[in-house]
Amino acid sequence: MIGIVDYNMGNLASVINAFKKVGADVQLESNPAKLDEYDKLILPGVGAFGDAMDHLKANGMDVAVNTFASSGKPLLGICLGMQLLFDSSEEFGSTQGLGLIPGEVVAFDESKFDQPLKVPHMGWNELFRNNVGADPSVCPLFNDLPNDFYLYFVHSYHAVCDDKYAIGKTHYGYEFVSAVQNGNIYGIQPHPEKSHENGLKIIENFSKL
C-alpha cells in the first residue's frame, strides 16, 4: 500500500489517478500516526513552501514523514513535495524544511539566464540523467526511460544541492537540479502525474520499489 500525504496543499486527484492507472494501491492519509502502516509514501504539493511546512507541522505530520524516511521505506516528493525534502527555502524569507536532503531551495536567478525567459518555468522540458553525481544504473526511478526525456514543469524555485544527490537535471536559462535521491528518499521537480507516458513510467517504477 502506498500512502499519499494529505496536508491540504494542492489538488491530489491527478496524483491518485496516475498511481491507479499503473495498478498501484494508493490511499490518502492525513493522520500522521498511520504513516508507518504504508510500504511507500508520496509527499505531493502545490503552492508556497512556508505554507506547506505550516500545514505539515500543524498536526505533527513533519515529524511523521521524517520518521517514515528513517525507516528505510521509499519516499517520493513531487514538485513542492520535493522542495520540502531540503534543509530550507528562501521563498518569502527563509523557512526550514524537512532536512532529508542537504541543500536549499532558491528562486530562479534571471540575471544568469542565457536567454530571455519567463518565470515561472511552465510547460514541457527535458530532464536528463545526471551521470556525474549518480550512476543511472542504480537509480530505479528512471528504469526503462532514455537518458533524457520530457516532463511537465510548473515552478519558480529550484533546489541547489551537492551533485551526488542529483539524479536528474534540466536547463531553463541555466542548468538546475530537477530530480534527487538520497538512499530511499527520492524527489522530482516536474509533475509526473501530468507528464503522460514518461511520467507514468516514473510512477510505475516507484510503485515497484
Protein backbone atom coordinates (compact mmCIF):
# COMPACT_ATOMS: atom_id res chain seq x y z
CA MET A 1 0.00 0.00 0.00
CA ILE A 2 1.23 3.47 -0.96
CA GLY A 3 0.23 6.42 1.21
CA ILE A 4 -0.25 9.90 -0.23
CA VAL A 5 0.24 12.56 2.42
CA ASP A 6 -2.83 14.80 2.56
CA TYR A 7 -1.96 18.09 4.23
CA ASN A 8 -4.31 20.47 2.37
CA MET A 9 -1.77 21.66 -0.20
CA GLY A 10 -2.96 21.18 -3.76
CA ASN A 11 -5.37 19.03 -5.74
CA LEU A 12 -4.43 15.38 -5.19
CA ALA A 13 -6.89 13.84 -7.65
CA SER A 14 -4.43 13.72 -10.55
CA VAL A 15 -1.76 12.07 -8.35
CA ILE A 16 -4.22 9.43 -7.14
CA ASN A 17 -5.47 8.74 -10.68
CA ALA A 18 -1.93 8.38 -12.06
CA PHE A 19 -0.97 5.78 -9.46
CA LYS A 20 -4.21 3.88 -10.00
CA LYS A 21 -3.58 3.93 -13.75
CA VAL A 22 -0.37 1.91 -13.27
CA GLY A 23 -2.18 -0.51 -10.96
CA ALA A 24 -0.83 0.81 -7.67
CA ASP A 25 -2.81 0.53 -4.45
CA VAL A 26 -2.89 4.06 -3.04
CA GLN A 27 -4.67 5.84 -0.23
CA LEU A 28 -4.82 9.42 1.03
CA GLU A 29 -3.55 9.78 4.59
CA SER A 30 -3.97 12.80 6.84
CA ASN A 31 -3.26 11.05 10.15
CA PRO A 32 0.48 11.18 10.97
CA ALA A 33 0.13 8.26 13.38
CA LYS A 34 -0.79 5.96 10.48
CA LEU A 35 2.12 6.67 8.12
CA ASP A 36 4.10 3.68 9.40
CA GLU A 37 1.34 1.38 8.10
CA TYR A 38 2.34 2.10 4.49
CA ASP A 39 5.03 0.44 2.38
CA LYS A 40 5.80 3.60 0.42
CA LEU A 41 4.94 7.27 0.80
CA ILE A 42 4.22 10.14 -1.60
CA LEU A 43 4.69 13.75 -0.49
CA PRO A 44 2.94 15.90 -3.11
CA GLY A 45 2.35 19.63 -3.00
CA VAL A 46 1.42 22.77 -4.90
CA GLY A 47 1.84 26.28 -3.51
CA ALA A 48 4.25 28.12 -1.22
CA PHE A 49 6.98 26.38 0.80
CA GLY A 50 6.23 28.20 4.07
CA ASP A 51 2.51 27.45 3.92
CA ALA A 52 3.27 23.80 3.23
CA MET A 53 5.58 23.49 6.23
CA ASP A 54 2.97 25.18 8.44
CA HIS A 55 0.38 22.64 7.32
CA LEU A 56 2.75 19.73 7.93
CA LYS A 57 3.65 20.99 11.40
CA ALA A 58 0.04 21.68 12.41
CA ASN A 59 -0.58 18.06 13.42
CA GLY A 60 2.94 16.67 13.58
CA MET A 61 3.00 15.35 10.01
CA ASP A 62 6.51 16.80 9.54
CA VAL A 63 7.86 14.55 12.31
CA ALA A 64 5.91 11.57 10.98
CA VAL A 65 7.35 12.00 7.47
CA ASN A 66 10.87 12.17 8.89
CA THR A 67 10.23 9.03 10.95
CA PHE A 68 8.96 7.24 7.85
CA ALA A 69 12.06 8.30 5.90
CA SER A 70 14.33 6.93 8.63
CA SER A 71 12.62 3.53 8.37
CA GLY A 72 14.26 2.89 5.01
CA LYS A 73 10.96 2.64 3.13
CA PRO A 74 10.75 4.53 -0.20
CA LEU A 75 9.59 8.14 -0.05
CA LEU A 76 8.91 10.29 -3.12
CA GLY A 77 8.46 14.07 -3.07
CA ILE A 78 6.72 15.59 -6.10
CA CYS A 79 7.11 19.26 -7.13
CA LEU A 80 6.70 21.28 -3.90
CA GLY A 81 6.96 17.95 -2.10
CA MET A 82 10.46 17.52 -3.49
CA GLN A 83 11.44 21.01 -2.32
CA LEU A 84 10.18 20.26 1.20
CA LEU A 85 12.75 17.45 1.46
CA PHE A 86 15.58 20.01 1.63
CA ASP A 87 17.01 21.93 4.57
CA SER A 88 15.45 25.28 3.73
CA SER A 89 13.82 27.56 1.17
CA GLU A 90 14.26 31.27 0.51
CA GLU A 91 10.66 31.65 -0.72
CA PHE A 92 9.08 34.60 1.14
CA GLY A 93 12.00 34.61 3.59
CA SER A 94 13.98 31.69 4.95
CA THR A 95 11.91 28.68 6.02
CA GLN A 96 13.25 25.42 7.43
CA GLY A 97 12.33 22.26 5.50
CA LEU A 98 12.30 18.59 6.44
CA GLY A 99 16.09 18.27 6.19
CA LEU A 100 16.06 14.87 4.47
CA ILE A 101 18.36 16.01 1.66
CA PRO A 102 21.15 18.55 2.31
CA GLY A 103 20.59 21.70 0.28
CA GLU A 104 18.33 24.68 -0.20
CA VAL A 105 15.57 25.91 -2.49
CA VAL A 106 16.16 29.20 -4.29
CA ALA A 107 14.38 31.39 -6.84
CA PHE A 108 15.39 31.26 -10.47
CA ASP A 109 18.12 33.89 -10.93
CA GLU A 110 17.03 35.62 -14.14
CA SER A 111 20.29 37.59 -14.22
CA LYS A 112 22.05 34.29 -15.06
CA PHE A 113 19.71 33.26 -17.87
CA ASP A 114 21.39 32.63 -21.20
CA GLN A 115 18.27 33.96 -22.98
CA PRO A 116 15.15 35.94 -22.01
CA LEU A 117 12.68 33.59 -20.37
CA LYS A 118 9.59 33.92 -18.21
CA VAL A 119 9.33 32.78 -14.61
CA PRO A 120 7.59 30.59 -13.55
CA HIS A 121 9.13 27.82 -15.60
CA MET A 122 5.97 26.31 -17.04
CA GLY A 123 5.43 23.62 -19.66
CA TRP A 124 7.30 20.67 -21.14
CA ASN A 125 11.04 20.49 -20.72
CA GLU A 126 13.77 17.90 -20.84
CA LEU A 127 15.09 16.06 -17.83
CA PHE A 128 18.44 14.41 -18.42
CA ARG A 129 20.08 11.89 -16.15
CA ASN A 130 22.96 13.28 -14.18
CA ASN A 131 25.81 10.84 -14.83
CA VAL A 132 28.29 12.70 -12.61
CA GLY A 133 26.54 12.66 -9.27
CA ALA A 134 24.64 9.39 -9.55
CA ASP A 135 25.06 6.30 -11.70
CA PRO A 136 21.71 5.93 -13.56
CA SER A 137 22.04 2.16 -13.40
CA VAL A 138 21.48 2.33 -9.65
CA CYS A 139 18.61 4.83 -9.85
CA PRO A 140 15.44 2.73 -10.25
CA LEU A 141 13.20 5.78 -10.64
CA PHE A 142 14.23 6.09 -14.31
CA ASN A 143 14.20 2.41 -15.29
CA ASP A 144 13.21 1.85 -18.95
CA LEU A 145 13.48 5.56 -19.73
CA PRO A 146 16.08 7.09 -22.09
CA ASN A 147 18.97 9.23 -20.88
CA ASP A 148 16.88 12.35 -21.50
CA PHE A 149 13.10 12.69 -21.73
CA TYR A 150 10.38 15.32 -21.43
CA LEU A 151 8.22 16.02 -18.39
CA TYR A 152 5.81 18.80 -17.38
CA PHE A 153 7.09 21.58 -15.09
CA VAL A 154 5.43 24.42 -13.14
CA HIS A 155 7.69 26.20 -10.64
CA SER A 156 9.50 29.44 -9.78
CA TYR A 157 12.02 27.96 -7.31
CA HIS A 158 14.51 25.13 -7.67
CA ALA A 159 16.80 23.05 -5.49
CA VAL A 160 20.54 23.59 -5.03
CA CYS A 161 22.45 20.64 -3.61
CA ASP A 162 25.62 18.60 -3.83
CA ASP A 163 25.85 16.87 -7.19
CA LYS A 164 25.93 13.45 -5.53
CA TYR A 165 22.23 13.83 -4.73
CA ALA A 166 21.24 14.98 -8.24
CA ILE A 167 19.94 12.14 -10.40
CA GLY A 168 18.35 14.48 -12.95
CA LYS A 169 18.92 17.98 -14.27
CA THR A 170 17.09 20.36 -16.58
CA HIS A 171 18.05 23.50 -18.48
CA TYR A 172 15.92 26.63 -18.20
CA GLY A 173 18.06 29.74 -18.55
CA TYR A 174 20.75 27.67 -16.85
CA GLU A 175 21.14 24.12 -15.58
CA PHE A 176 19.32 23.23 -12.37
CA VAL A 177 18.63 20.09 -10.34
CA SER A 178 15.27 18.56 -11.25
CA ALA A 179 15.44 15.12 -9.59
CA VAL A 180 17.21 13.91 -6.45
CA GLN A 181 17.91 10.77 -4.48
CA ASN A 182 19.36 10.20 -1.02
CA GLY A 183 19.14 6.48 -0.34
CA ASN A 184 15.45 5.59 -0.03
CA ILE A 185 14.40 9.24 -0.44
CA TYR A 186 13.51 10.46 -3.93
CA GLY A 187 12.33 13.79 -5.27
CA ILE A 188 11.25 15.08 -8.66
CA GLN A 189 10.55 18.71 -9.51
CA PRO A 190 8.24 18.22 -12.53
CA HIS A 191 4.79 16.66 -12.27
CA PRO A 192 4.95 13.00 -13.36
CA GLU A 193 1.19 12.73 -12.93
CA LYS A 194 0.80 15.35 -15.69
CA SER A 195 3.57 14.02 -17.95
CA HIS A 196 1.79 11.27 -19.91
CA GLU A 197 3.77 8.09 -20.67
CA ASN A 198 7.13 9.28 -19.27
CA GLY A 199 5.55 10.39 -16.03
CA LEU A 200 3.53 7.21 -15.68
CA LYS A 201 6.71 5.19 -16.12
CA ILE A 202 8.33 7.06 -13.20
CA ILE A 203 5.23 6.45 -11.09
CA GLU A 204 5.23 2.78 -12.05
CA ASN A 205 8.93 2.46 -11.23
CA PHE A 206 8.42 3.98 -7.79
CA SER A 207 5.45 1.72 -7.18
CA LYS A 208 7.63 -1.32 -7.83
CA LEU A 209 10.44 -0.38 -5.43
